[in-house]
Amino acid sequence: MMRGIKTPAIVLLGVLVAGVTLWGALALYYAGPDRLHTALALGYALCGLATLIGLAMSHWRRRAVVCFAVVVAALLGWWSTIEPSNDRNWKPDVAVMPYATIDDDLVTVHNIRNFDYRTETDFTPAYYDKTFDLRKLESVDLIARTGWGRTLPMCS
């Protein structure tokens, strides 16, 4: 009976190792397009492959899983040190971030987009600032642009 439970558990562990390997290799690869990150991604992928091979051999199984857990812990440690940043090479239509300043009931929104679009890729960028008095506000419309070029109304 124990053998009947052990095999599916090993297969499930193998699927988990494969998934974590894929995620980790892609995370390392996309962290920077330089040779170091490519080499780290390849090394991590090879470590995952070695773990999958080790899972197939009963005398290596425990060592393989422990070694892989240590490597994953190191990867998660690195991942947790990454700080978010908007300092990137953005497309011109999303290169300027809006922000707001608040002074009691007055909110000034800076860098509101007001582009003149001739086509989807041909446009003249323009921005403006506007101050809103929250006491006089009756409604708010928020529009979000999806990654597929569609705009979706969020609230009205």
N, C-alpha and C. Protein backbone atom coordinates (compact mmCIF):
# COMPACT_ATOMS: atom_id res chain seq x y z
N MET A 1 0.83 -1.20 0.00
CA MET A 1 0.00 0.00 0.00
C MET A 1 0.86 1.25 0.00
N MET A 2 1.99 1.23 0.74
CA MET A 2 2.86 2.39 0.84
C MET A 2 3.46 2.72 -0.53
N ARG A 3 3.77 1.70 -1.32
CA ARG A 3 4.34 1.90 -2.65
C ARG A 3 3.33 2.59 -3.57
N GLY A 4 2.04 2.29 -3.39
CA GLY A 4 0.98 2.89 -4.19
C GLY A 4 0.84 4.38 -3.92
N ILE A 5 1.18 4.84 -2.73
CA ILE A 5 1.11 6.25 -2.38
C ILE A 5 2.41 6.95 -2.75
N LYS A 6 3.52 6.24 -2.63
CA LYS A 6 4.84 6.84 -2.84
C LYS A 6 5.05 7.30 -4.28
N THR A 7 4.65 6.52 -5.26
CA THR A 7 4.88 6.86 -6.66
C THR A 7 4.13 8.13 -7.07
N PRO A 8 2.83 8.27 -6.77
CA PRO A 8 2.17 9.54 -7.12
C PRO A 8 2.77 10.74 -6.39
N ALA A 9 3.23 10.55 -5.16
CA ALA A 9 3.85 11.65 -4.41
C ALA A 9 5.15 12.08 -5.09
N ILE A 10 5.92 11.12 -5.58
CA ILE A 10 7.17 11.45 -6.28
C ILE A 10 6.88 12.16 -7.59
N VAL A 11 5.86 11.70 -8.30
CA VAL A 11 5.46 12.36 -9.55
C VAL A 11 5.00 13.79 -9.27
N LEU A 12 4.20 13.97 -8.24
CA LEU A 12 3.74 15.31 -7.86
C LEU A 12 4.91 16.20 -7.47
N LEU A 13 5.86 15.66 -6.73
CA LEU A 13 7.06 16.41 -6.37
C LEU A 13 7.87 16.78 -7.62
N GLY A 14 7.92 15.87 -8.58
CA GLY A 14 8.63 16.15 -9.83
C GLY A 14 7.97 17.28 -10.61
N VAL A 15 6.64 17.30 -10.63
CA VAL A 15 5.92 18.39 -11.31
C VAL A 15 6.18 19.71 -10.59
N LEU A 16 6.19 19.69 -9.27
CA LEU A 16 6.49 20.89 -8.48
C LEU A 16 7.90 21.39 -8.76
N VAL A 17 8.87 20.48 -8.77
CA VAL A 17 10.26 20.85 -9.06
C VAL A 17 10.37 21.44 -10.46
N ALA A 18 9.69 20.84 -11.42
CA ALA A 18 9.73 21.35 -12.79
C ALA A 18 9.14 22.76 -12.87
N GLY A 19 8.03 22.99 -12.20
CA GLY A 19 7.41 24.32 -12.19
C GLY A 19 8.27 25.37 -11.53
N VAL A 20 8.84 25.03 -10.37
CA VAL A 20 9.71 25.98 -9.65
C VAL A 20 10.98 26.23 -10.46
N THR A 21 11.46 25.21 -11.15
CA THR A 21 12.64 25.38 -12.00
C THR A 21 12.34 26.33 -13.15
N LEU A 22 11.21 26.14 -13.79
CA LEU A 22 10.83 27.02 -14.90
C LEU A 22 10.69 28.46 -14.43
N TRP A 23 9.98 28.66 -13.32
CA TRP A 23 9.80 30.01 -12.78
C TRP A 23 11.14 30.64 -12.43
N GLY A 24 11.98 29.92 -11.72
CA GLY A 24 13.26 30.46 -11.28
C GLY A 24 14.18 30.78 -12.43
N ALA A 25 14.24 29.91 -13.42
CA ALA A 25 15.11 30.15 -14.58
C ALA A 25 14.64 31.39 -15.34
N LEU A 26 13.33 31.53 -15.51
CA LEU A 26 12.81 32.72 -16.20
C LEU A 26 13.04 33.98 -15.37
N ALA A 27 12.88 33.89 -14.06
CA ALA A 27 13.12 35.05 -13.19
C ALA A 27 14.57 35.50 -13.29
N LEU A 28 15.49 34.55 -13.27
CA LEU A 28 16.91 34.90 -13.38
C LEU A 28 17.24 35.45 -14.76
N TYR A 29 16.69 34.84 -15.79
CA TYR A 29 16.98 35.27 -17.16
C TYR A 29 16.47 36.69 -17.41
N TYR A 30 15.25 36.98 -16.98
CA TYR A 30 14.67 38.29 -17.24
C TYR A 30 15.11 39.35 -16.24
N ALA A 31 15.85 38.97 -15.22
CA ALA A 31 16.35 39.96 -14.26
C ALA A 31 17.35 40.91 -14.92
N GLY A 32 18.01 40.47 -15.95
CA GLY A 32 18.94 41.32 -16.67
C GLY A 32 19.40 40.61 -17.92
N PRO A 33 19.42 41.32 -19.03
CA PRO A 33 19.77 40.65 -20.29
C PRO A 33 21.28 40.52 -20.50
N ASP A 34 22.02 40.29 -19.44
CA ASP A 34 23.47 40.16 -19.58
C ASP A 34 23.89 38.70 -19.45
N ARG A 35 25.14 38.44 -19.68
CA ARG A 35 25.65 37.06 -19.66
C ARG A 35 25.56 36.43 -18.28
N LEU A 36 25.75 37.22 -17.23
CA LEU A 36 25.70 36.68 -15.88
C LEU A 36 24.32 36.09 -15.58
N HIS A 37 23.26 36.85 -15.87
CA HIS A 37 21.91 36.36 -15.59
C HIS A 37 21.55 35.17 -16.48
N THR A 38 22.04 35.17 -17.71
CA THR A 38 21.80 34.03 -18.59
C THR A 38 22.49 32.79 -18.04
N ALA A 39 23.73 32.95 -17.58
CA ALA A 39 24.47 31.82 -17.01
C ALA A 39 23.80 31.32 -15.73
N LEU A 40 23.34 32.25 -14.88
CA LEU A 40 22.65 31.85 -13.65
C LEU A 40 21.36 31.11 -13.96
N ALA A 41 20.62 31.57 -14.96
CA ALA A 41 19.38 30.90 -15.35
C ALA A 41 19.67 29.50 -15.86
N LEU A 42 20.70 29.36 -16.66
CA LEU A 42 21.07 28.04 -17.18
C LEU A 42 21.52 27.12 -16.05
N GLY A 43 22.32 27.64 -15.13
CA GLY A 43 22.76 26.84 -13.99
C GLY A 43 21.60 26.41 -13.12
N TYR A 44 20.65 27.31 -12.90
CA TYR A 44 19.48 26.97 -12.10
C TYR A 44 18.64 25.90 -12.81
N ALA A 45 18.49 26.03 -14.12
CA ALA A 45 17.74 25.03 -14.89
C ALA A 45 18.42 23.66 -14.82
N LEU A 46 19.74 23.65 -14.90
CA LEU A 46 20.49 22.38 -14.79
C LEU A 46 20.33 21.78 -13.39
N CYS A 47 20.29 22.63 -12.38
CA CYS A 47 20.08 22.15 -11.01
C CYS A 47 18.70 21.50 -10.89
N GLY A 48 17.70 22.12 -11.50
CA GLY A 48 16.36 21.54 -11.50
C GLY A 48 16.32 20.21 -12.24
N LEU A 49 17.01 20.14 -13.37
CA LEU A 49 17.08 18.89 -14.14
C LEU A 49 17.77 17.80 -13.33
N ALA A 50 18.86 18.15 -12.66
CA ALA A 50 19.57 17.18 -11.81
C ALA A 50 18.66 16.70 -10.69
N THR A 51 17.85 17.58 -10.15
CA THR A 51 16.91 17.19 -9.09
C THR A 51 15.87 16.22 -9.63
N LEU A 52 15.37 16.48 -10.83
CA LEU A 52 14.39 15.56 -11.44
C LEU A 52 15.01 14.19 -11.68
N ILE A 53 16.26 14.17 -12.12
CA ILE A 53 16.96 12.88 -12.31
C ILE A 53 17.16 12.20 -10.96
N GLY A 54 17.54 12.99 -9.94
CA GLY A 54 17.73 12.44 -8.60
C GLY A 54 16.46 11.87 -8.01
N LEU A 55 15.31 12.46 -8.36
CA LEU A 55 14.03 11.92 -7.87
C LEU A 55 13.75 10.52 -8.41
N ALA A 56 14.29 10.23 -9.58
CA ALA A 56 14.07 8.92 -10.20
C ALA A 56 14.91 7.83 -9.55
N MET A 57 15.95 8.20 -8.81
CA MET A 57 16.83 7.21 -8.17
C MET A 57 16.63 7.27 -6.66
N SER A 58 16.17 6.19 -6.09
CA SER A 58 15.79 6.20 -4.68
C SER A 58 16.93 6.56 -3.74
N HIS A 59 18.17 6.17 -4.05
CA HIS A 59 19.28 6.47 -3.14
C HIS A 59 19.75 7.92 -3.26
N TRP A 60 19.34 8.65 -4.28
CA TRP A 60 19.71 10.07 -4.45
C TRP A 60 18.55 11.01 -4.14
N ARG A 61 17.37 10.47 -3.98
CA ARG A 61 16.16 11.28 -3.88
C ARG A 61 16.23 12.33 -2.77
N ARG A 62 16.55 11.91 -1.56
CA ARG A 62 16.55 12.84 -0.43
C ARG A 62 17.61 13.92 -0.61
N ARG A 63 18.81 13.56 -1.03
CA ARG A 63 19.88 14.55 -1.24
C ARG A 63 19.50 15.55 -2.33
N ALA A 64 18.91 15.05 -3.39
CA ALA A 64 18.52 15.92 -4.50
C ALA A 64 17.49 16.96 -4.05
N VAL A 65 16.50 16.51 -3.28
CA VAL A 65 15.46 17.42 -2.82
C VAL A 65 16.02 18.44 -1.84
N VAL A 66 16.89 18.02 -0.94
CA VAL A 66 17.49 18.94 0.03
C VAL A 66 18.36 19.97 -0.69
N CYS A 67 19.19 19.54 -1.62
CA CYS A 67 20.03 20.48 -2.38
C CYS A 67 19.18 21.46 -3.17
N PHE A 68 18.12 20.97 -3.81
CA PHE A 68 17.26 21.85 -4.57
C PHE A 68 16.54 22.84 -3.66
N ALA A 69 16.13 22.40 -2.48
CA ALA A 69 15.48 23.30 -1.52
C ALA A 69 16.43 24.43 -1.10
N VAL A 70 17.71 24.10 -0.92
CA VAL A 70 18.70 25.13 -0.55
C VAL A 70 18.84 26.14 -1.70
N VAL A 71 18.90 25.66 -2.93
CA VAL A 71 19.04 26.55 -4.10
C VAL A 71 17.79 27.41 -4.24
N VAL A 72 16.62 26.84 -4.05
CA VAL A 72 15.38 27.61 -4.14
C VAL A 72 15.32 28.65 -3.02
N ALA A 73 15.76 28.29 -1.83
CA ALA A 73 15.80 29.26 -0.72
C ALA A 73 16.72 30.44 -1.07
N ALA A 74 17.86 30.15 -1.69
CA ALA A 74 18.76 31.23 -2.11
C ALA A 74 18.10 32.10 -3.17
N LEU A 75 17.40 31.47 -4.13
CA LEU A 75 16.70 32.22 -5.16
C LEU A 75 15.62 33.11 -4.55
N LEU A 76 14.85 32.58 -3.63
CA LEU A 76 13.80 33.36 -2.98
C LEU A 76 14.40 34.50 -2.15
N GLY A 77 15.56 34.25 -1.55
CA GLY A 77 16.25 35.32 -0.83
C GLY A 77 16.63 36.45 -1.76
N TRP A 78 17.17 36.11 -2.93
CA TRP A 78 17.52 37.12 -3.92
C TRP A 78 16.26 37.84 -4.40
N TRP A 79 15.21 37.07 -4.70
CA TRP A 79 13.96 37.63 -5.21
C TRP A 79 13.37 38.65 -4.24
N SER A 80 13.48 38.38 -2.94
CA SER A 80 12.90 39.29 -1.94
C SER A 80 13.69 40.59 -1.81
N THR A 81 14.90 40.64 -2.34
CA THR A 81 15.69 41.88 -2.26
C THR A 81 15.43 42.82 -3.44
N ILE A 82 14.71 42.36 -4.46
CA ILE A 82 14.44 43.20 -5.62
C ILE A 82 13.45 44.29 -5.23
N GLU A 83 13.82 45.53 -5.49
CA GLU A 83 12.94 46.64 -5.19
C GLU A 83 12.27 47.12 -6.47
N PRO A 84 10.99 47.44 -6.41
CA PRO A 84 10.31 47.93 -7.61
C PRO A 84 10.87 49.27 -8.05
N SER A 85 10.86 49.49 -9.35
CA SER A 85 11.40 50.73 -9.88
C SER A 85 10.68 51.10 -11.17
N ASN A 86 10.45 52.38 -11.34
CA ASN A 86 9.90 52.89 -12.60
C ASN A 86 11.00 53.43 -13.49
N ASP A 87 12.22 53.26 -13.07
CA ASP A 87 13.36 53.76 -13.83
C ASP A 87 13.71 52.76 -14.92
N ARG A 88 12.96 52.83 -16.01
CA ARG A 88 13.12 51.90 -17.11
C ARG A 88 13.08 52.68 -18.43
N ASN A 89 13.34 51.98 -19.51
CA ASN A 89 13.24 52.55 -20.84
C ASN A 89 11.81 52.29 -21.35
N TRP A 90 10.88 53.18 -21.02
CA TRP A 90 9.47 53.00 -21.33
C TRP A 90 9.16 53.48 -22.74
N LYS A 91 8.06 52.98 -23.30
CA LYS A 91 7.55 53.49 -24.56
C LYS A 91 7.16 54.95 -24.35
N PRO A 92 7.26 55.76 -25.40
CA PRO A 92 6.97 57.20 -25.24
C PRO A 92 5.55 57.50 -24.73
N ASP A 93 4.57 56.65 -25.07
CA ASP A 93 3.21 56.96 -24.65
C ASP A 93 2.94 56.64 -23.17
N VAL A 94 3.87 55.97 -22.50
CA VAL A 94 3.71 55.69 -21.07
C VAL A 94 4.96 56.10 -20.27
N ALA A 95 5.78 56.95 -20.84
CA ALA A 95 7.06 57.29 -20.22
C ALA A 95 6.93 58.26 -19.05
N VAL A 96 5.87 59.05 -19.00
CA VAL A 96 5.71 60.05 -17.93
C VAL A 96 4.64 59.56 -16.97
N MET A 97 5.02 59.43 -15.71
CA MET A 97 4.09 58.94 -14.69
C MET A 97 3.28 60.09 -14.10
N PRO A 98 1.97 59.91 -13.98
CA PRO A 98 1.18 60.92 -13.27
C PRO A 98 1.39 60.77 -11.77
N TYR A 99 1.17 61.86 -11.05
CA TYR A 99 1.22 61.80 -9.60
C TYR A 99 0.31 62.90 -9.05
N ALA A 100 -0.01 62.83 -7.79
CA ALA A 100 -0.92 63.80 -7.19
C ALA A 100 -0.29 64.40 -5.94
N THR A 101 -0.61 65.66 -5.71
CA THR A 101 -0.25 66.33 -4.46
C THR A 101 -1.55 66.73 -3.78
N ILE A 102 -1.58 66.58 -2.46
CA ILE A 102 -2.81 66.83 -1.70
C ILE A 102 -2.57 67.97 -0.73
N ASP A 103 -3.50 68.93 -0.74
CA ASP A 103 -3.46 70.05 0.20
C ASP A 103 -4.87 70.22 0.75
N ASP A 104 -5.14 69.62 1.90
CA ASP A 104 -6.47 69.57 2.50
C ASP A 104 -7.46 68.95 1.52
N ASP A 105 -8.45 69.74 1.08
CA ASP A 105 -9.46 69.21 0.16
C ASP A 105 -9.11 69.45 -1.30
N LEU A 106 -7.92 69.98 -1.57
CA LEU A 106 -7.50 70.24 -2.94
C LEU A 106 -6.48 69.18 -3.36
N VAL A 107 -6.77 68.53 -4.46
CA VAL A 107 -5.87 67.52 -5.02
C VAL A 107 -5.42 68.01 -6.39
N THR A 108 -4.12 68.10 -6.56
CA THR A 108 -3.58 68.49 -7.86
C THR A 108 -2.99 67.25 -8.51
N VAL A 109 -3.53 66.90 -9.66
CA VAL A 109 -3.02 65.76 -10.42
C VAL A 109 -2.08 66.32 -11.48
N HIS A 110 -0.86 65.84 -11.47
CA HIS A 110 0.17 66.29 -12.39
C HIS A 110 0.36 65.27 -13.51
N ASN A 111 0.76 65.75 -14.68
CA ASN A 111 1.05 64.91 -15.85
C ASN A 111 -0.16 64.10 -16.33
N ILE A 112 -1.30 64.77 -16.42
CA ILE A 112 -2.48 64.13 -17.00
C ILE A 112 -2.27 64.06 -18.51
N ARG A 113 -2.45 62.89 -19.06
CA ARG A 113 -2.20 62.71 -20.51
C ARG A 113 -3.29 63.36 -21.34
N ASN A 114 -2.88 64.05 -22.37
CA ASN A 114 -3.80 64.67 -23.31
C ASN A 114 -3.18 64.58 -24.70
N PHE A 115 -2.96 63.35 -25.15
CA PHE A 115 -2.25 63.11 -26.42
C PHE A 115 -3.16 63.40 -27.61
N ASP A 116 -2.55 63.82 -28.68
CA ASP A 116 -3.24 63.98 -29.96
C ASP A 116 -2.84 62.79 -30.83
N TYR A 117 -3.75 61.81 -30.95
CA TYR A 117 -3.48 60.59 -31.71
C TYR A 117 -3.93 60.75 -33.16
N ARG A 118 -3.01 60.51 -34.07
CA ARG A 118 -3.36 60.44 -35.49
C ARG A 118 -3.59 58.98 -35.88
N THR A 119 -2.74 58.11 -35.39
CA THR A 119 -2.90 56.66 -35.53
C THR A 119 -2.50 56.06 -34.18
N GLU A 120 -2.52 54.75 -34.09
CA GLU A 120 -2.15 54.10 -32.82
C GLU A 120 -0.69 54.35 -32.45
N THR A 121 0.17 54.50 -33.44
CA THR A 121 1.61 54.70 -33.17
C THR A 121 2.10 56.11 -33.48
N ASP A 122 1.25 56.94 -34.10
CA ASP A 122 1.64 58.31 -34.45
C ASP A 122 0.83 59.28 -33.59
N PHE A 123 1.50 59.96 -32.68
CA PHE A 123 0.81 60.85 -31.75
C PHE A 123 1.74 61.97 -31.31
N THR A 124 1.11 63.01 -30.79
CA THR A 124 1.85 64.13 -30.20
C THR A 124 1.59 64.11 -28.70
N PRO A 125 2.64 63.88 -27.89
CA PRO A 125 2.43 63.84 -26.43
C PRO A 125 2.12 65.23 -25.88
N ALA A 126 1.21 65.28 -24.94
CA ALA A 126 0.89 66.52 -24.23
C ALA A 126 0.40 66.15 -22.84
N TYR A 127 0.77 66.95 -21.87
CA TYR A 127 0.39 66.71 -20.47
C TYR A 127 -0.08 68.02 -19.86
N TYR A 128 -0.92 67.91 -18.86
CA TYR A 128 -1.34 69.10 -18.12
C TYR A 128 -1.57 68.73 -16.66
N ASP A 129 -1.61 69.74 -15.82
CA ASP A 129 -1.89 69.58 -14.40
C ASP A 129 -3.25 70.19 -14.11
N LYS A 130 -3.98 69.60 -13.18
CA LYS A 130 -5.28 70.16 -12.82
C LYS A 130 -5.52 69.96 -11.34
N THR A 131 -6.11 70.98 -10.72
CA THR A 131 -6.44 70.93 -9.30
C THR A 131 -7.93 70.69 -9.14
N PHE A 132 -8.27 69.75 -8.27
CA PHE A 132 -9.66 69.39 -8.02
C PHE A 132 -10.00 69.69 -6.57
N ASP A 133 -11.16 70.28 -6.35
CA ASP A 133 -11.66 70.53 -5.01
C ASP A 133 -12.57 69.35 -4.65
N LEU A 134 -12.16 68.54 -3.71
CA LEU A 134 -12.91 67.32 -3.35
C LEU A 134 -14.30 67.63 -2.81
N ARG A 135 -14.50 68.83 -2.24
CA ARG A 135 -15.82 69.18 -1.72
C ARG A 135 -16.82 69.38 -2.85
N LYS A 136 -16.33 69.70 -4.04
CA LYS A 136 -17.22 69.96 -5.18
C LYS A 136 -17.31 68.75 -6.13
N LEU A 137 -16.62 67.70 -5.79
CA LEU A 137 -16.59 66.53 -6.66
C LEU A 137 -17.90 65.77 -6.61
N GLU A 138 -18.47 65.46 -7.76
CA GLU A 138 -19.74 64.73 -7.82
C GLU A 138 -19.55 63.28 -8.26
N SER A 139 -18.59 63.01 -9.17
CA SER A 139 -18.33 61.65 -9.61
C SER A 139 -16.90 61.56 -10.13
N VAL A 140 -16.45 60.32 -10.26
CA VAL A 140 -15.09 60.07 -10.75
C VAL A 140 -15.17 58.96 -11.80
N ASP A 141 -14.50 59.17 -12.91
CA ASP A 141 -14.37 58.12 -13.93
C ASP A 141 -12.90 57.73 -13.99
N LEU A 142 -12.65 56.45 -13.99
CA LEU A 142 -11.29 55.94 -14.08
C LEU A 142 -11.21 55.01 -15.27
N ILE A 143 -10.29 55.26 -16.15
CA ILE A 143 -10.11 54.42 -17.34
C ILE A 143 -8.74 53.76 -17.23
N ALA A 144 -8.69 52.45 -17.44
CA ALA A 144 -7.43 51.71 -17.42
C ALA A 144 -7.19 51.11 -18.79
N ARG A 145 -5.97 51.24 -19.26
CA ARG A 145 -5.61 50.66 -20.55
C ARG A 145 -5.01 49.29 -20.29
N THR A 146 -5.54 48.29 -20.96
CA THR A 146 -5.02 46.93 -20.79
C THR A 146 -3.79 46.75 -21.65
N GLY A 147 -3.09 45.67 -21.45
CA GLY A 147 -1.91 45.37 -22.24
C GLY A 147 -2.23 45.05 -23.69
N TRP A 148 -3.51 44.81 -24.00
CA TRP A 148 -3.88 44.46 -25.37
C TRP A 148 -4.43 45.65 -26.14
N GLY A 149 -4.22 46.86 -25.62
CA GLY A 149 -4.62 48.05 -26.34
C GLY A 149 -6.08 48.43 -26.14
N ARG A 150 -6.82 47.68 -25.32
CA ARG A 150 -8.21 48.00 -25.05
C ARG A 150 -8.29 48.89 -23.82
N THR A 151 -9.27 49.77 -23.78
CA THR A 151 -9.50 50.56 -22.57
C THR A 151 -10.75 50.06 -21.89
N LEU A 152 -10.67 49.95 -20.59
CA LEU A 152 -11.79 49.44 -19.81
C LEU A 152 -12.21 50.47 -18.78
N PRO A 153 -13.49 50.84 -18.72
CA PRO A 153 -13.92 51.75 -17.65
C PRO A 153 -13.91 50.99 -16.33
N MET A 154 -13.29 51.56 -15.33
CA MET A 154 -13.17 50.90 -14.03
C MET A 154 -14.34 51.27 -13.10
N CYS A 155 -14.77 52.51 -13.16
CA CYS A 155 -15.90 52.93 -12.35
C CYS A 155 -16.50 54.17 -12.99
N SER A 156 -17.66 54.50 -12.57
CA SER A 156 -18.30 55.66 -13.16
C SER A 156 -19.12 56.39 -12.11
